Amino acid sequence: MAVVLRLARAGATKRPYYHVVATDSRNPRDGKFIEAIGSYDPNHSPAKFAVNEDRWAHWTKVGAKPSDTLSCLYKAAKKTAAKA
């Protein structure tokens, strides 16, 4: 079983909202997941990204790979937090 960190889409048509989840790589995008560790809301300006740092560290430590999109969002959030 390969665990990945990725976005699971929620929300209405044309109004996306995403949950940051740890899941088995074989599961569908919006299928069952092991744990929800954050959220991403692109409907705001600027977009809101929140993640539980402790759980992110845990999952990456045990070998979970974040998706490319999630990696970019996480790095941008860390960069923004460092400036503030």
N, C-alpha and C. Protein backbone atom coordinates (compact mmCIF):
# COMPACT_ATOMS: atom_id res chain seq x y z
N MET A 1 0.85 -1.18 0.00
CA MET A 1 0.00 0.00 0.00
C MET A 1 0.89 1.24 0.00
N ALA A 2 0.69 2.11 -0.98
CA ALA A 2 1.44 3.36 -1.05
C ALA A 2 0.52 4.49 -0.61
N VAL A 3 0.89 5.16 0.47
CA VAL A 3 0.09 6.26 0.98
C VAL A 3 0.54 7.55 0.30
N VAL A 4 -0.45 8.35 -0.13
CA VAL A 4 -0.17 9.63 -0.75
C VAL A 4 -0.97 10.72 -0.05
N LEU A 5 -0.46 11.94 -0.12
CA LEU A 5 -1.19 13.11 0.35
C LEU A 5 -1.69 13.82 -0.89
N ARG A 6 -2.99 14.07 -0.94
CA ARG A 6 -3.55 14.73 -2.12
C ARG A 6 -4.83 15.48 -1.78
N LEU A 7 -5.34 16.20 -2.78
CA LEU A 7 -6.56 16.98 -2.61
C LEU A 7 -7.76 16.13 -3.01
N ALA A 8 -8.80 16.18 -2.20
CA ALA A 8 -10.07 15.51 -2.51
C ALA A 8 -11.11 16.61 -2.71
N ARG A 9 -11.72 16.65 -3.87
CA ARG A 9 -12.65 17.72 -4.19
C ARG A 9 -13.98 17.58 -3.48
N ALA A 10 -14.49 18.71 -3.03
CA ALA A 10 -15.82 18.80 -2.43
C ALA A 10 -16.43 20.10 -2.94
N GLY A 11 -17.58 20.48 -2.46
CA GLY A 11 -18.18 21.74 -2.88
C GLY A 11 -19.13 21.56 -4.05
N ALA A 12 -19.78 22.65 -4.41
CA ALA A 12 -20.79 22.63 -5.47
C ALA A 12 -20.16 22.80 -6.84
N THR A 13 -20.98 22.66 -7.87
CA THR A 13 -20.54 22.90 -9.23
C THR A 13 -20.05 24.33 -9.37
N LYS A 14 -18.89 24.49 -9.97
CA LYS A 14 -18.25 25.80 -10.20
C LYS A 14 -17.80 26.48 -8.91
N ARG A 15 -17.90 25.81 -7.76
CA ARG A 15 -17.46 26.36 -6.47
C ARG A 15 -16.63 25.30 -5.74
N PRO A 16 -15.44 25.00 -6.24
CA PRO A 16 -14.67 23.90 -5.64
C PRO A 16 -14.16 24.21 -4.24
N TYR A 17 -14.02 23.18 -3.47
CA TYR A 17 -13.43 23.22 -2.14
C TYR A 17 -12.71 21.89 -1.99
N TYR A 18 -11.52 21.91 -1.43
CA TYR A 18 -10.73 20.68 -1.36
C TYR A 18 -10.33 20.35 0.06
N HIS A 19 -10.30 19.06 0.36
CA HIS A 19 -9.77 18.56 1.61
C HIS A 19 -8.39 17.98 1.33
N VAL A 20 -7.44 18.23 2.21
CA VAL A 20 -6.11 17.62 2.10
C VAL A 20 -6.21 16.30 2.86
N VAL A 21 -5.99 15.19 2.16
CA VAL A 21 -6.19 13.88 2.76
C VAL A 21 -4.98 12.97 2.56
N ALA A 22 -4.83 12.04 3.47
CA ALA A 22 -3.88 10.93 3.33
C ALA A 22 -4.71 9.73 2.90
N THR A 23 -4.32 9.11 1.79
CA THR A 23 -5.09 8.00 1.25
C THR A 23 -4.19 7.01 0.54
N ASP A 24 -4.73 5.84 0.28
CA ASP A 24 -4.04 4.84 -0.53
C ASP A 24 -4.03 5.34 -1.97
N SER A 25 -2.93 5.20 -2.65
CA SER A 25 -2.80 5.71 -4.01
C SER A 25 -3.77 5.05 -4.99
N ARG A 26 -4.28 3.87 -4.66
CA ARG A 26 -5.20 3.16 -5.55
C ARG A 26 -6.64 3.65 -5.43
N ASN A 27 -6.96 4.40 -4.38
CA ASN A 27 -8.32 4.90 -4.19
C ASN A 27 -8.62 6.04 -5.17
N PRO A 28 -9.90 6.19 -5.55
CA PRO A 28 -10.25 7.31 -6.43
C PRO A 28 -10.08 8.66 -5.71
N ARG A 29 -10.02 9.73 -6.50
CA ARG A 29 -9.77 11.07 -5.96
C ARG A 29 -10.67 11.42 -4.79
N ASP A 30 -11.97 11.19 -4.94
CA ASP A 30 -12.93 11.56 -3.90
C ASP A 30 -13.39 10.35 -3.09
N GLY A 31 -12.65 9.26 -3.16
CA GLY A 31 -13.02 8.04 -2.46
C GLY A 31 -12.63 8.08 -0.99
N LYS A 32 -12.63 6.90 -0.38
CA LYS A 32 -12.32 6.85 1.05
C LYS A 32 -10.86 7.23 1.28
N PHE A 33 -10.61 7.74 2.48
CA PHE A 33 -9.27 8.18 2.83
C PHE A 33 -8.96 7.76 4.26
N ILE A 34 -7.69 7.81 4.60
CA ILE A 34 -7.24 7.41 5.93
C ILE A 34 -7.48 8.54 6.93
N GLU A 35 -7.08 9.76 6.54
CA GLU A 35 -7.20 10.89 7.46
C GLU A 35 -7.24 12.20 6.68
N ALA A 36 -8.09 13.11 7.11
CA ALA A 36 -8.13 14.46 6.56
C ALA A 36 -7.22 15.34 7.42
N ILE A 37 -6.27 16.02 6.78
CA ILE A 37 -5.30 16.80 7.56
C ILE A 37 -5.34 18.29 7.25
N GLY A 38 -6.23 18.71 6.36
CA GLY A 38 -6.30 20.14 6.06
C GLY A 38 -7.35 20.45 5.02
N SER A 39 -7.29 21.71 4.52
CA SER A 39 -8.26 22.15 3.52
C SER A 39 -7.64 23.21 2.62
N TYR A 40 -8.25 23.37 1.44
CA TYR A 40 -7.83 24.37 0.48
C TYR A 40 -9.08 24.95 -0.16
N ASP A 41 -9.23 26.28 -0.08
CA ASP A 41 -10.40 26.96 -0.64
C ASP A 41 -9.93 28.00 -1.65
N PRO A 42 -9.98 27.68 -2.95
CA PRO A 42 -9.52 28.62 -3.97
C PRO A 42 -10.52 29.73 -4.29
N ASN A 43 -11.69 29.72 -3.65
CA ASN A 43 -12.73 30.71 -3.95
C ASN A 43 -12.48 32.06 -3.29
N HIS A 44 -11.50 32.15 -2.44
CA HIS A 44 -11.16 33.41 -1.78
C HIS A 44 -9.98 34.06 -2.50
N SER A 45 -9.81 35.33 -2.27
CA SER A 45 -8.66 36.03 -2.83
C SER A 45 -7.91 36.69 -1.70
N PRO A 46 -6.73 36.24 -1.32
CA PRO A 46 -6.02 35.07 -1.85
C PRO A 46 -6.64 33.75 -1.36
N ALA A 47 -6.32 32.69 -2.05
CA ALA A 47 -6.87 31.37 -1.70
C ALA A 47 -6.44 30.97 -0.30
N LYS A 48 -7.31 30.28 0.41
CA LYS A 48 -7.03 29.84 1.78
C LYS A 48 -6.53 28.41 1.78
N PHE A 49 -5.36 28.20 2.40
CA PHE A 49 -4.78 26.87 2.51
C PHE A 49 -4.43 26.66 3.97
N ALA A 50 -4.92 25.59 4.56
CA ALA A 50 -4.63 25.28 5.95
C ALA A 50 -4.33 23.79 6.07
N VAL A 51 -3.29 23.47 6.83
CA VAL A 51 -2.93 22.08 7.03
C VAL A 51 -2.41 21.91 8.46
N ASN A 52 -2.71 20.76 9.06
CA ASN A 52 -2.22 20.44 10.40
C ASN A 52 -0.75 20.03 10.26
N GLU A 53 0.15 20.89 10.71
CA GLU A 53 1.59 20.68 10.55
C GLU A 53 2.07 19.38 11.19
N ASP A 54 1.54 19.04 12.35
CA ASP A 54 1.95 17.82 13.03
C ASP A 54 1.61 16.58 12.21
N ARG A 55 0.39 16.55 11.66
CA ARG A 55 -0.03 15.39 10.87
C ARG A 55 0.71 15.35 9.53
N TRP A 56 0.99 16.52 8.93
CA TRP A 56 1.77 16.56 7.68
C TRP A 56 3.14 15.94 7.93
N ALA A 57 3.78 16.36 9.03
CA ALA A 57 5.10 15.84 9.38
C ALA A 57 5.05 14.33 9.61
N HIS A 58 4.01 13.87 10.31
CA HIS A 58 3.86 12.43 10.57
C HIS A 58 3.77 11.65 9.26
N TRP A 59 2.89 12.07 8.37
CA TRP A 59 2.67 11.31 7.14
C TRP A 59 3.89 11.34 6.23
N THR A 60 4.55 12.47 6.13
CA THR A 60 5.76 12.51 5.29
C THR A 60 6.88 11.69 5.92
N LYS A 61 6.93 11.64 7.25
CA LYS A 61 7.95 10.86 7.94
C LYS A 61 7.78 9.36 7.70
N VAL A 62 6.53 8.90 7.62
CA VAL A 62 6.29 7.48 7.40
C VAL A 62 6.26 7.11 5.92
N GLY A 63 6.56 8.07 5.03
CA GLY A 63 6.75 7.74 3.63
C GLY A 63 5.66 8.18 2.67
N ALA A 64 4.67 8.92 3.13
CA ALA A 64 3.62 9.39 2.22
C ALA A 64 4.18 10.47 1.30
N LYS A 65 3.85 10.38 0.03
CA LYS A 65 4.32 11.35 -0.96
C LYS A 65 3.20 12.33 -1.29
N PRO A 66 3.44 13.64 -1.15
CA PRO A 66 2.41 14.61 -1.55
C PRO A 66 2.34 14.72 -3.08
N SER A 67 1.14 15.03 -3.59
CA SER A 67 0.98 15.24 -5.03
C SER A 67 1.73 16.51 -5.43
N ASP A 68 1.97 16.66 -6.73
CA ASP A 68 2.70 17.84 -7.22
C ASP A 68 1.97 19.13 -6.85
N THR A 69 0.67 19.17 -7.05
CA THR A 69 -0.13 20.35 -6.74
C THR A 69 -0.07 20.66 -5.26
N LEU A 70 -0.21 19.65 -4.44
CA LEU A 70 -0.20 19.85 -3.00
C LEU A 70 1.17 20.30 -2.52
N SER A 71 2.23 19.81 -3.12
CA SER A 71 3.58 20.26 -2.77
C SER A 71 3.74 21.75 -3.04
N CYS A 72 3.27 22.20 -4.20
CA CYS A 72 3.37 23.62 -4.55
C CYS A 72 2.56 24.48 -3.59
N LEU A 73 1.35 24.05 -3.25
CA LEU A 73 0.52 24.80 -2.32
C LEU A 73 1.17 24.89 -0.94
N TYR A 74 1.73 23.79 -0.49
CA TYR A 74 2.36 23.74 0.83
C TYR A 74 3.58 24.66 0.87
N LYS A 75 4.42 24.61 -0.16
CA LYS A 75 5.60 25.47 -0.21
C LYS A 75 5.21 26.94 -0.25
N ALA A 76 4.19 27.27 -1.02
CA ALA A 76 3.73 28.66 -1.11
C ALA A 76 3.18 29.14 0.24
N ALA A 77 2.47 28.27 0.94
CA ALA A 77 1.95 28.63 2.26
C ALA A 77 3.08 28.84 3.26
N LYS A 78 4.10 27.99 3.21
CA LYS A 78 5.24 28.13 4.12
C LYS A 78 5.98 29.44 3.82
N LYS A 79 6.11 29.76 2.53
CA LYS A 79 6.81 30.98 2.12
C LYS A 79 6.06 32.21 2.61
N THR A 80 4.73 32.20 2.46
CA THR A 80 3.90 33.31 2.90
C THR A 80 3.95 33.46 4.43
N ALA A 81 3.94 32.34 5.14
CA ALA A 81 4.00 32.37 6.60
C ALA A 81 5.35 32.90 7.08
N ALA A 82 6.40 32.60 6.34
CA ALA A 82 7.73 33.07 6.73
C ALA A 82 7.85 34.58 6.57
N LYS A 83 7.17 35.15 5.58
CA LYS A 83 7.22 36.59 5.36
C LYS A 83 6.46 37.35 6.44
N ALA A 84 5.40 36.74 6.97
CA ALA A 84 4.56 37.43 7.95
C ALA A 84 5.17 37.48 9.32
